[in-house]
C-alpha atoms as a PDB file:
ATOM      1  CA  MET A   1     -33.260  35.179  -6.092  1.00  0.00           C
ATOM      2  CA  GLN A   2     -34.120  35.497  -2.301  1.00  0.00           C
ATOM      3  CA  ASN A   3     -34.691  31.722  -2.095  1.00  0.00           C
ATOM      4  CA  ARG A   4     -31.158  31.265  -3.641  1.00  0.00           C
ATOM      5  CA  ARG A   5     -29.536  33.310  -1.190  1.00  0.00           C
ATOM      6  CA  HIS A   6     -31.142  31.399   1.644  1.00  0.00           C
ATOM      7  CA  ALA A   7     -29.977  28.260   0.045  1.00  0.00           C
ATOM      8  CA  LEU A   8     -26.381  29.385  -0.327  1.00  0.00           C
ATOM      9  CA  ILE A   9     -26.565  30.859   3.562  1.00  0.00           C
ATOM     10  CA  ARG A  10     -27.747  27.233   4.572  1.00  0.00           C
ATOM     11  CA  SER A  11     -25.006  25.603   2.669  1.00  0.00           C
ATOM     12  CA  ALA A  12     -22.367  27.885   4.144  1.00  0.00           C
ATOM     13  CA  ALA A  13     -23.913  27.194   7.741  1.00  0.00           C
ATOM     14  CA  ALA A  14     -23.923  23.493   7.071  1.00  0.00           C
ATOM     15  CA  PHE A  15     -20.254  23.536   5.912  1.00  0.00           C
ATOM     16  CA  ALA A  16     -19.234  25.768   8.794  1.00  0.00           C
ATOM     17  CA  MET A  17     -20.934  23.100  11.314  1.00  0.00           C
ATOM     18  CA  SER A  18     -19.445  20.211   9.608  1.00  0.00           C
ATOM     19  CA  VAL A  19     -16.015  21.792   9.770  1.00  0.00           C
ATOM     20  CA  THR A  20     -16.567  22.708  13.670  1.00  0.00           C
ATOM     21  CA  VAL A  21     -18.029  19.152  14.542  1.00  0.00           C
ATOM     22  CA  PHE A  22     -14.847  17.805  12.841  1.00  0.00           C
ATOM     23  CA  ALA A  23     -12.448  19.993  14.801  1.00  0.00           C
ATOM     24  CA  LEU A  24     -14.511  19.033  18.240  1.00  0.00           C
ATOM     25  CA  THR A  25     -14.416  15.156  17.271  1.00  0.00           C
ATOM     26  CA  LEU A  26     -10.629  15.165  16.630  1.00  0.00           C
ATOM     27  CA  THR A  27      -9.775  17.688  19.868  1.00  0.00           C
ATOM     28  CA  PHE A  28     -11.666  15.190  21.977  1.00  0.00           C
ATOM     29  CA  ALA A  29     -10.276  12.081  20.584  1.00  0.00           C
ATOM     30  CA  SER A  30      -6.553  13.557  20.936  1.00  0.00           C
ATOM     31  CA  LEU A  31      -7.242  14.280  24.821  1.00  0.00           C
ATOM     32  CA  PHE A  32      -7.542  10.525  25.198  1.00  0.00           C
ATOM     33  CA  ALA A  33      -5.369   9.029  22.636  1.00  0.00           C
ATOM     34  CA  PRO A  34      -1.827   8.243  23.698  1.00  0.00           C
ATOM     35  CA  CYS A  35       1.193  10.136  22.597  1.00  0.00           C
ATOM     36  CA  PRO A  36       2.478   9.337  19.107  1.00  0.00           C
ATOM     37  CA  ALA A  37       5.524   7.316  18.863  1.00  0.00           C
ATOM     38  CA  ALA A  38       8.438   8.977  17.446  1.00  0.00           C
ATOM     39  CA  ALA A  39       9.040   5.873  15.311  1.00  0.00           C
ATOM     40  CA  SER A  40       7.008   2.618  14.371  1.00  0.00           C
ATOM     41  CA  ASP A  41       8.139  -0.762  13.398  1.00  0.00           C
ATOM     42  CA  LEU A  42       5.049  -0.906  11.148  1.00  0.00           C
ATOM     43  CA  ILE A  43       5.960   1.023   7.685  1.00  0.00           C
ATOM     44  CA  ILE A  44       3.102   1.073   5.186  1.00  0.00           C
ATOM     45  CA  GLU A  45       2.233   2.809   1.943  1.00  0.00           C
ATOM     46  CA  VAL A  46      -1.182   5.315   1.950  1.00  0.00           C
ATOM     47  CA  GLU A  47      -3.320   2.407   0.266  1.00  0.00           C
ATOM     48  CA  GLU A  48      -2.746   0.183   3.287  1.00  0.00           C
ATOM     49  CA  ALA A  49      -3.525   2.749   5.903  1.00  0.00           C
ATOM     50  CA  ALA A  50      -7.567   2.109   6.224  1.00  0.00           C
ATOM     51  CA  ALA A  51      -6.421  -1.748   6.895  1.00  0.00           C
ATOM     52  CA  HIS A  52      -4.455  -0.223  10.291  1.00  0.00           C
ATOM     53  CA  VAL A  53      -7.069   2.126  11.766  1.00  0.00           C
ATOM     54  CA  GLY A  54      -6.318   2.073  15.543  1.00  0.00           C
ATOM     55  CA  GLN A  55      -2.554   1.096  15.144  1.00  0.00           C
ATOM     56  CA  ASP A  56       0.825   3.007  15.469  1.00  0.00           C
ATOM     57  CA  ALA A  57       2.537   3.077  12.289  1.00  0.00           C
ATOM     58  CA  THR A  58       4.578   4.877   9.738  1.00  0.00           C
ATOM     59  CA  VAL A  59       2.658   5.894   6.736  1.00  0.00           C
ATOM     60  CA  CYS A  60       4.381   6.774   3.436  1.00  0.00           C
ATOM     61  CA  GLY A  61       2.810   8.546   0.179  1.00  0.00           C
ATOM     62  CA  THR A  62       2.937  11.646  -1.900  1.00  0.00           C
ATOM     63  CA  VAL A  63       1.030  15.078  -0.834  1.00  0.00           C
ATOM     64  CA  SER A  64      -1.458  15.460  -3.846  1.00  0.00           C
ATOM     65  CA  SER A  65      -3.066  18.440  -2.216  1.00  0.00           C
ATOM     66  CA  ALA A  66      -2.763  20.858   0.908  1.00  0.00           C
ATOM     67  CA  ALA A  67      -4.579  23.573   2.470  1.00  0.00           C
ATOM     68  CA  TYR A  68      -4.498  25.568   5.562  1.00  0.00           C
ATOM     69  CA  LEU A  69      -7.932  26.859   6.918  1.00  0.00           C
ATOM     70  CA  GLY A  70      -7.106  29.725   8.972  1.00  0.00           C
ATOM     71  CA  ARG A  71     -10.520  30.863   9.437  1.00  0.00           C
ATOM     72  CA  THR A  72     -11.824  27.682  10.808  1.00  0.00           C
ATOM     73  CA  SER A  73     -12.106  26.404  14.304  1.00  0.00           C
ATOM     74  CA  GLY A  74      -8.744  25.169  15.549  1.00  0.00           C
ATOM     75  CA  THR A  75      -7.125  26.440  12.279  1.00  0.00           C
ATOM     76  CA  PRO A  76      -6.130  22.965  10.991  1.00  0.00           C
ATOM     77  CA  THR A  77      -3.660  22.376   8.052  1.00  0.00           C
ATOM     78  CA  PHE A  78      -4.541  19.227   5.811  1.00  0.00           C
ATOM     79  CA  LEU A  79      -2.058  17.274   3.892  1.00  0.00           C
ATOM     80  CA  ASN A  80      -4.077  15.068   1.469  1.00  0.00           C
ATOM     81  CA  LEU A  81      -1.921  11.977   0.506  1.00  0.00           C
ATOM     82  CA  GLY A  82      -2.455   9.529  -2.569  1.00  0.00           C
ATOM     83  CA  ARG A  83      -5.084  11.773  -4.217  1.00  0.00           C
ATOM     84  CA  PRO A  84      -6.094  15.252  -3.963  1.00  0.00           C
ATOM     85  CA  TYR A  85      -9.232  16.195  -1.737  1.00  0.00           C
ATOM     86  CA  PRO A  86     -11.933  15.089  -1.448  1.00  0.00           C
ATOM     87  CA  ASP A  87     -10.744  11.780  -2.852  1.00  0.00           C
ATOM     88  CA  GLN A  88      -7.880  11.371  -0.649  1.00  0.00           C
ATOM     89  CA  LEU A  89      -6.458   8.070   0.381  1.00  0.00           C
ATOM     90  CA  PHE A  90      -5.190   9.574   3.633  1.00  0.00           C
ATOM     91  CA  THR A  91      -5.056  12.561   5.602  1.00  0.00           C
ATOM     92  CA  VAL A  92      -2.377  14.322   7.834  1.00  0.00           C
ATOM     93  CA  VAL A  93      -4.043  16.621  10.219  1.00  0.00           C
ATOM     94  CA  ILE A  94      -1.916  19.760  11.901  1.00  0.00           C
ATOM     95  CA  TRP A  95      -3.907  21.711  14.366  1.00  0.00           C
ATOM     96  CA  GLY A  96      -3.024  25.490  14.793  1.00  0.00           C
ATOM     97  CA  SER A  97      -1.454  24.933  18.027  1.00  0.00           C
ATOM     98  CA  THR A  98       1.189  22.604  16.390  1.00  0.00           C
ATOM     99  CA  ARG A  99       1.403  24.656  13.132  1.00  0.00           C
ATOM    100  CA  GLY A 100       3.895  27.077  14.344  1.00  0.00           C
ATOM    101  CA  LEU A 101       6.393  24.545  15.354  1.00  0.00           C
ATOM    102  CA  PHE A 102       7.133  23.856  11.809  1.00  0.00           C
ATOM    103  CA  GLU A 103      10.024  25.659  10.218  1.00  0.00           C
ATOM    104  CA  ASP A 104       7.590  26.752   7.199  1.00  0.00           C
ATOM    105  CA  GLU A 105       4.187  26.575   6.393  1.00  0.00           C
ATOM    106  CA  PRO A 106       3.634  22.986   6.436  1.00  0.00           C
ATOM    107  CA  GLU A 107       1.160  23.290   3.317  1.00  0.00           C
ATOM    108  CA  ALA A 108       4.132  24.796   1.204  1.00  0.00           C
ATOM    109  CA  LEU A 109       6.542  22.604   2.822  1.00  0.00           C
ATOM    110  CA  PHE A 110       5.254  19.280   2.090  1.00  0.00           C
ATOM    111  CA  ASP A 111       2.853  19.931  -1.159  1.00  0.00           C
ATOM    112  CA  GLY A 112       3.906  17.655  -3.952  1.00  0.00           C
ATOM    113  CA  ARG A 113       6.353  15.906  -1.915  1.00  0.00           C
ATOM    114  CA  ARG A 114       6.662  12.100  -0.798  1.00  0.00           C
ATOM    115  CA  ILE A 115       6.378  12.067   3.374  1.00  0.00           C
ATOM    116  CA  CYS A 116       6.302   9.479   5.997  1.00  0.00           C
ATOM    117  CA  VAL A 117       4.057  10.221   8.921  1.00  0.00           C
ATOM    118  CA  THR A 118       4.368   8.465  12.346  1.00  0.00           C
ATOM    119  CA  GLY A 119       1.368   8.035  14.919  1.00  0.00           C
ATOM    120  CA  ARG A 120      -1.764   6.533  15.647  1.00  0.00           C
ATOM    121  CA  ILE A 121      -4.192   6.006  12.663  1.00  0.00           C
ATOM    122  CA  VAL A 122      -7.462   7.183  13.237  1.00  0.00           C
ATOM    123  CA  GLU A 123     -10.566   7.355  10.899  1.00  0.00           C
ATOM    124  CA  TYR A 124     -13.014  10.239  10.224  1.00  0.00           C
ATOM    125  CA  LYS A 125     -15.917  10.148   7.816  1.00  0.00           C
ATOM    126  CA  GLY A 126     -14.322   6.774   6.530  1.00  0.00           C
ATOM    127  CA  LYS A 127     -11.028   8.253   5.822  1.00  0.00           C
ATOM    128  CA  PRO A 128      -7.820   7.065   7.630  1.00  0.00           C
ATOM    129  CA  GLN A 129      -5.787   9.936   8.976  1.00  0.00           C
ATOM    130  CA  ILE A 130      -2.972  10.890  11.624  1.00  0.00           C
ATOM    131  CA  VAL A 131      -3.317  13.776  13.930  1.00  0.00           C
ATOM    132  CA  VAL A 132       0.296  15.441  14.250  1.00  0.00           C
ATOM    133  CA  GLU A 133       1.305  16.951  17.412  1.00  0.00           C
ATOM    134  CA  ASP A 134       5.281  17.301  16.630  1.00  0.00           C
ATOM    135  CA  PRO A 135       7.035  18.066  13.427  1.00  0.00           C
ATOM    136  CA  ALA A 136       9.489  15.289  14.056  1.00  0.00           C
ATOM    137  CA  GLN A 137       6.251  12.863  13.149  1.00  0.00           C
ATOM    138  CA  ILE A 138       6.788  14.020   9.658  1.00  0.00           C
ATOM    139  CA  GLU A 139       9.786  12.952   7.309  1.00  0.00           C
ATOM    140  CA  ILE A 140      10.341  14.112   3.773  1.00  0.00           C
ATOM    141  CA  ALA A 141      11.151  10.582   1.694  1.00  0.00           C
ATOM    142  CA  ASP A 142      11.401  11.568  -1.685  1.00  0.00           C
ATOM    143  CA  ALA A 143      13.563   9.056  -3.689  1.00  0.00           C
ATOM    144  CA  PRO A 144      17.013  10.742  -3.115  1.00  0.00           C
ATOM    145  CA  SER A 145      19.297  10.886  -6.138  1.00  0.00           C
ATOM    146  CA  LEU A 146      22.309   8.486  -5.292  1.00  0.00           C
ATOM    147  CA  PRO A 147      25.558  10.149  -5.816  1.00  0.00           C
ATOM    148  CA  LEU A 148      27.305   6.774  -7.005  1.00  0.00           C
ATOM    149  CA  GLU A 149      26.423   4.723  -9.853  1.00  0.00           C
ATOM    150  CA  LEU A 150      25.090   1.805  -8.283  1.00  0.00           C
ATOM    151  CA  ALA A 151      23.742  -1.207 -10.317  1.00  0.00           C
ATOM    152  CA  TYR A 152      20.566  -2.763  -9.319  1.00  0.00           C
ATOM    153  CA  GLU A 153      22.734  -5.770  -7.820  1.00  0.00           C
ATOM    154  CA  GLU A 154      24.724  -3.392  -5.869  1.00  0.00           C
ATOM    155  CA  ARG A 155      22.023  -2.022  -4.380  1.00  0.00           C
ATOM    156  CA  VAL A 156      20.463  -5.382  -3.459  1.00  0.00           C
ATOM    157  CA  PHE A 157      23.858  -6.119  -1.745  1.00  0.00           C
ATOM    158  CA  ILE A 158      23.874  -2.954   0.156  1.00  0.00           C
ATOM    159  CA  LYS A 159      20.332  -3.599   1.337  1.00  0.00           C
ATOM    160  CA  SER A 160      21.161  -7.251   2.301  1.00  0.00           C
ATOM    161  CA  VAL A 161      24.192  -5.943   4.474  1.00  0.00           C
ATOM    162  CA  MET A 162      21.689  -3.318   6.047  1.00  0.00           C
ATOM    163  CA  SER A 163      19.199  -6.351   6.802  1.00  0.00           C
ATOM    164  CA  ALA A 164      22.051  -8.477   8.198  1.00  0.00           C
ATOM    165  CA  LEU A 165      22.623  -5.475  10.588  1.00  0.00           C
ATOM    166  CA  GLY A 166      19.249  -5.580  11.852  1.00  0.00           C
ATOM    167  CA  LEU A 167      17.864  -2.522   9.752  1.00  0.00           C
ATOM    168  CA  ASP A 168      14.386  -3.014   8.329  1.00  0.00           C
ATOM    169  CA  VAL A 169      14.667  -3.179   4.701  1.00  0.00           C
ATOM    170  CA  ASN A 170      13.237  -5.275   1.866  1.00  0.00           C
ATOM    171  CA  TYR A 171      16.808  -6.870   0.580  1.00  0.00           C
ATOM    172  CA  GLY A 172      15.671  -8.867  -2.149  1.00  0.00           C
ATOM    173  CA  MET A 173      14.818  -5.640  -4.184  1.00  0.00           C
ATOM    174  CA  GLY A 174      16.937  -3.221  -5.741  1.00  0.00           C
ATOM    175  CA  GLU A 175      15.048   0.018  -5.528  1.00  0.00           C
ATOM    176  CA  TRP A 176      16.035   2.479  -3.012  1.00  0.00           C
ATOM    177  CA  ASP A 177      12.335   3.178  -1.863  1.00  0.00           C
ATOM    178  CA  ALA A 178      11.230   4.922   1.292  1.00  0.00           C
ATOM    179  CA  GLU A 179      11.840   2.171   3.553  1.00  0.00           C
ATOM    180  CA  ALA A 180      15.572   1.818   2.590  1.00  0.00           C
ATOM    181  CA  VAL A 181      15.908   5.509   3.340  1.00  0.00           C
ATOM    182  CA  LEU A 182      14.418   5.547   6.730  1.00  0.00           C
ATOM    183  CA  ALA A 183      16.653   2.265   7.578  1.00  0.00           C
ATOM    184  CA  LEU A 184      19.749   4.010   6.253  1.00  0.00           C
ATOM    185  CA  VAL A 185      19.191   7.278   8.178  1.00  0.00           C
ATOM    186  CA  SER A 186      18.954   5.429  11.302  1.00  0.00           C
ATOM    187  CA  PHE A 187      22.182   3.958  10.686  1.00  0.00           C
ATOM    188  CA  GLN A 188      23.846   7.188   9.859  1.00  0.00           C
ATOM    189  CA  GLU A 189      22.218   9.026  12.744  1.00  0.00           C
ATOM    190  CA  LYS A 190      23.848   6.066  15.062  1.00  0.00           C
ATOM    191  CA  LEU A 191      27.416   6.697  13.979  1.00  0.00           C
ATOM    192  CA  GLY A 192      27.052  10.374  13.573  1.00  0.00           C
ATOM    193  CA  LEU A 193      26.988  10.302   9.628  1.00  0.00           C
ATOM    194  CA  ASP A 194      25.025  13.054   7.472  1.00  0.00           C
ATOM    195  CA  PRO A 195      21.524  11.647   7.753  1.00  0.00           C
ATOM    196  CA  SER A 196      20.815  11.590   4.112  1.00  0.00           C
ATOM    197  CA  GLY A 197      19.534   8.182   3.738  1.00  0.00           C
ATOM    198  CA  VAL A 198      21.817   7.846   0.623  1.00  0.00           C
ATOM    199  CA  PRO A 199      24.906   5.284   0.213  1.00  0.00           C
ATOM    200  CA  ASP A 200      27.424   7.887  -0.049  1.00  0.00           C
ATOM    201  CA  ALA A 201      30.984   6.849   0.297  1.00  0.00           C
ATOM    202  CA  ALA A 202      31.356   7.429   3.886  1.00  0.00           C
ATOM    203  CA  THR A 203      28.215   5.367   4.880  1.00  0.00           C
ATOM    204  CA  LEU A 204      29.376   2.586   2.480  1.00  0.00           C
ATOM    205  CA  ARG A 205      32.773   2.541   4.455  1.00  0.00           C
ATOM    206  CA  ALA A 206      30.827   2.486   7.802  1.00  0.00           C
ATOM    207  CA  LEU A 207      28.846  -0.369   6.686  1.00  0.00           C
ATOM    208  CA  ALA A 208      32.106  -2.117   5.459  1.00  0.00           C
ATOM    209  CA  ASP A 209      33.396  -1.795   9.157  1.00  0.00           C
ATOM    210  CA  ALA A 210      29.877  -2.929  10.702  1.00  0.00           C
ATOM    211  CA  VAL A 211      30.133  -6.284   8.616  1.00  0.00           C
ATOM    212  CA  ILE A 212      32.630  -7.787  11.358  1.00  0.00           C
ATOM    213  CA  ASP A 213      29.288  -7.493  13.744  1.00  0.00           C
ATOM    214  CA  ILE A 214      27.241  -9.846  11.208  1.00  0.00           C
ATOM    215  CA  PRO A 215      26.895 -13.374  12.414  1.00  0.00           C
ATOM    216  CA  ALA A 216      28.903 -15.820  10.035  1.00  0.00           C
ATOM    217  CA  GLU A 217      26.077 -17.342   8.845  1.00  0.00           C
ATOM    218  CA  ASP A 218      24.325 -14.198   8.019  1.00  0.00           C
ATOM    219  CA  GLN A 219      27.623 -13.381   6.018  1.00  0.00           C
ATOM    220  CA  THR A 220      27.379 -16.531   3.644  1.00  0.00           C
ATOM    221  CA  LEU A 221      23.418 -15.526   2.924  1.00  0.00           C
ATOM    222  CA  VAL A 222      24.415 -12.087   1.903  1.00  0.00           C
ATOM    223  CA  ILE A 223      27.191 -13.447  -0.480  1.00  0.00           C
ATOM    224  CA  ARG A 224      24.956 -16.074  -1.553  1.00  0.00           C
ATOM    225  CA  MET A 225      22.421 -13.797  -2.453  1.00  0.00           C
ATOM    226  CA  MET A 226      24.879 -11.461  -4.337  1.00  0.00           C
ATOM    227  CA  LEU A 227      26.190 -14.182  -6.246  1.00  0.00           C
ATOM    228  CA  MET A 228      22.582 -15.591  -7.092  1.00  0.00           C
ATOM    229  CA  ARG A 229      21.847 -12.254  -8.353  1.00  0.00           C
ATOM    230  CA  LEU A 230      24.528 -11.933 -10.724  1.00  0.00           C
ATOM    231  CA  ALA A 231      23.900 -15.173 -11.913  1.00  0.00           C
ATOM    232  CA  GLN A 232      20.408 -14.181 -13.119  1.00  0.00           C
ATOM    233  CA  ARG A 233      21.899 -11.102 -14.694  1.00  0.00           C
ATOM    234  CA  GLY A 234      23.996 -13.599 -16.956  1.00  0.00           C
ATOM    235  CA  ASP A 235      20.859 -15.822 -17.887  1.00  0.00           C
END
C-alpha cells in the first residue's frame, strides 16, 4: 500500500512538473514571438495546421473538448480542436491573463462550436497550437442557417460575385462554409451591415450595388459560370 502511495505521489509530481514546464516554455516563447495578426490571408482547416508551423494563419475547426486548469501555473484554458484531448489535432491556448477579457468562460463559450482562430502557429510536444492574447483572435464560425432558400447554383453565383469583388472564397463550390462566412463578414462590416456572414436581403442588395465596380471581363466570367452550372443541372 505504501509503495502504491509513493507511486501515485511521484505520478502527480511528474504531471505537475510537465504542466509547469509547458507554461514556462510558452511564456518564454510568447515574449519573443511577434504580436498575432488581426487577420490572415492563409485560412486552413485543423487537419492542415501541422504543415504550417511557424506561419501566421487562420485555423478553423470544431472544439471537441475544452478545459480550464485554474490550479495550474498560468491558469490556462485549452480548446482542443478536431478530436478530444489527448488526441487533438490542434490546440488553442488561453492564459489566465487573457481569460478575463472574454465575455464568458472560454471553455463554455466555445465548447462544441466551430471556431476560427488567427495567430502564429507553434508546436508543443508534436501538436500545433496558437496562443491567444486577444479575444478578437477567435471567431465563432458555425455554419449559419440561411434565411433565404438558396439553391446550390445560386450560392455558387453569390460566391462568384464575392470573388470578383476581391473577397477570398472558393467560388466554384456552393457550400456556405467558414471561408464564405468570414469573407462575407468582412464585406458586411465594410458597409456597416449586420456582420452575420449570411447572404440576407440587405447584403444581396449591397452585392448588387457593388457589381458596378467589377471589371467587365470578370462580369462576363461570373455570368458564364452561372450558365454553365445551370447547364450541368439540366444534363
